[in-house]
C-alpha atoms as a PDB file:
ATOM      1  CA  UNK A   1      53.525  -1.348  10.935  1.00  0.00           C
ATOM      2  CA  UNK A   2      53.709  -0.525   7.275  1.00  0.00           C
ATOM      3  CA  UNK A   3      53.683   3.382   7.038  1.00  0.00           C
ATOM      4  CA  UNK A   4      54.924   3.806   3.347  1.00  0.00           C
ATOM      5  CA  UNK A   5      52.849   6.394   1.568  1.00  0.00           C
ATOM      6  CA  UNK A   6      51.517   8.002   4.898  1.00  0.00           C
ATOM      7  CA  UNK A   7      51.424  11.571   5.311  1.00  0.00           C
ATOM      8  CA  UNK A   8      53.362  12.929   8.375  1.00  0.00           C
ATOM      9  CA  UNK A   9      50.109  13.796   9.976  1.00  0.00           C
ATOM     10  CA  UNK A  10      48.634  10.519   9.194  1.00  0.00           C
ATOM     11  CA  UNK A  11      51.541   8.769  10.555  1.00  0.00           C
ATOM     12  CA  UNK A  12      51.478  10.751  13.752  1.00  0.00           C
ATOM     13  CA  UNK A  13      47.694  10.143  14.070  1.00  0.00           C
ATOM     14  CA  UNK A  14      48.440   6.369  13.668  1.00  0.00           C
ATOM     15  CA  UNK A  15      50.752   6.417  16.548  1.00  0.00           C
ATOM     16  CA  UNK A  16      48.709   8.679  18.951  1.00  0.00           C
ATOM     17  CA  UNK A  17      45.735   6.165  17.964  1.00  0.00           C
ATOM     18  CA  UNK A  18      48.325   3.028  18.886  1.00  0.00           C
ATOM     19  CA  UNK A  19      49.292   4.710  22.449  1.00  0.00           C
ATOM     20  CA  UNK A  20      45.543   5.218  23.116  1.00  0.00           C
ATOM     21  CA  UNK A  21      44.810   1.621  22.400  1.00  0.00           C
ATOM     22  CA  UNK A  22      47.863   0.586  24.520  1.00  0.00           C
ATOM     23  CA  UNK A  23      46.114   2.629  27.321  1.00  0.00           C
ATOM     24  CA  UNK A  24      42.883   0.802  26.882  1.00  0.00           C
ATOM     25  CA  UNK A  25      44.354  -2.556  26.345  1.00  0.00           C
ATOM     26  CA  UNK A  26      46.401  -2.350  29.769  1.00  0.00           C
ATOM     27  CA  UNK A  27      43.170  -1.553  31.715  1.00  0.00           C
ATOM     28  CA  UNK A  28      41.401  -4.495  30.135  1.00  0.00           C
ATOM     29  CA  UNK A  29      44.122  -6.817  30.873  1.00  0.00           C
ATOM     30  CA  UNK A  30      44.018  -5.709  34.573  1.00  0.00           C
ATOM     31  CA  UNK A  31      40.177  -6.013  34.740  1.00  0.00           C
ATOM     32  CA  UNK A  32      40.145  -9.561  33.188  1.00  0.00           C
ATOM     33  CA  UNK A  33      42.705 -10.834  35.937  1.00  0.00           C
ATOM     34  CA  UNK A  34      41.427  -8.771  38.879  1.00  0.00           C
ATOM     35  CA  UNK A  35      37.751  -9.303  38.742  1.00  0.00           C
ATOM     36  CA  UNK A  36      36.315 -12.757  40.165  1.00  0.00           C
ATOM     37  CA  UNK A  37      33.036 -14.360  39.180  1.00  0.00           C
ATOM     38  CA  UNK A  38      31.666 -13.294  42.476  1.00  0.00           C
ATOM     39  CA  UNK A  39      32.435  -9.581  42.036  1.00  0.00           C
ATOM     40  CA  UNK A  40      30.059  -7.119  40.453  1.00  0.00           C
ATOM     41  CA  UNK A  41      31.018  -6.622  36.977  1.00  0.00           C
ATOM     42  CA  UNK A  42      28.989  -3.398  36.396  1.00  0.00           C
ATOM     43  CA  UNK A  43      30.495  -1.754  39.108  1.00  0.00           C
ATOM     44  CA  UNK A  44      34.302  -3.113  37.864  1.00  0.00           C
ATOM     45  CA  UNK A  45      33.527  -1.763  34.606  1.00  0.00           C
ATOM     46  CA  UNK A  46      32.294   1.453  35.594  1.00  0.00           C
ATOM     47  CA  UNK A  47      35.696   1.826  37.750  1.00  0.00           C
ATOM     48  CA  UNK A  48      37.512   0.838  34.765  1.00  0.00           C
ATOM     49  CA  UNK A  49      35.839   3.490  32.265  1.00  0.00           C
ATOM     50  CA  UNK A  50      36.869   6.099  35.060  1.00  0.00           C
ATOM     51  CA  UNK A  51      40.567   4.990  35.195  1.00  0.00           C
ATOM     52  CA  UNK A  52      40.714   5.021  31.333  1.00  0.00           C
ATOM     53  CA  UNK A  53      39.117   8.122  31.105  1.00  0.00           C
ATOM     54  CA  UNK A  54      41.741   9.689  33.462  1.00  0.00           C
ATOM     55  CA  UNK A  55      44.579   7.981  31.690  1.00  0.00           C
ATOM     56  CA  UNK A  56      43.342   9.445  28.460  1.00  0.00           C
ATOM     57  CA  UNK A  57      42.976  12.952  29.726  1.00  0.00           C
ATOM     58  CA  UNK A  58      46.442  12.843  31.037  1.00  0.00           C
ATOM     59  CA  UNK A  59      47.657  11.299  27.668  1.00  0.00           C
ATOM     60  CA  UNK A  60      45.716  14.039  25.956  1.00  0.00           C
ATOM     61  CA  UNK A  61      47.275  16.874  28.254  1.00  0.00           C
ATOM     62  CA  UNK A  62      50.945  15.637  28.307  1.00  0.00           C
ATOM     63  CA  UNK A  63      51.441  13.824  24.782  1.00  0.00           C
ATOM     64  CA  UNK A  64      54.620  14.682  22.748  1.00  0.00           C
ATOM     65  CA  UNK A  65      54.207  13.307  19.143  1.00  0.00           C
ATOM     66  CA  UNK A  66      58.278  13.468  18.798  1.00  0.00           C
ATOM     67  CA  UNK A  67      58.613  11.183  21.699  1.00  0.00           C
ATOM     68  CA  UNK A  68      55.770   8.850  20.536  1.00  0.00           C
ATOM     69  CA  UNK A  69      57.450   8.761  17.056  1.00  0.00           C
ATOM     70  CA  UNK A  70      61.051   7.797  18.696  1.00  0.00           C
ATOM     71  CA  UNK A  71      59.420   5.260  20.837  1.00  0.00           C
ATOM     72  CA  UNK A  72      57.815   3.778  17.714  1.00  0.00           C
ATOM     73  CA  UNK A  73      60.910   3.494  15.816  1.00  0.00           C
END
């Protein structure tokens, strides 16, 4: 990731967005591997949205930008 020229705030926002993306993508991967053609996709997607929402709430309450920056570097 090219971060040259970014302000500290922009860099931190980019890292936080990347973490949120990781949360969402991990759930989408699980959905794709767990749901068969016979399953009710609408129900599965609603469950997925609920799980993502819970994880994002946890992330929002507990995130620490310093640890995220260290993890990215």
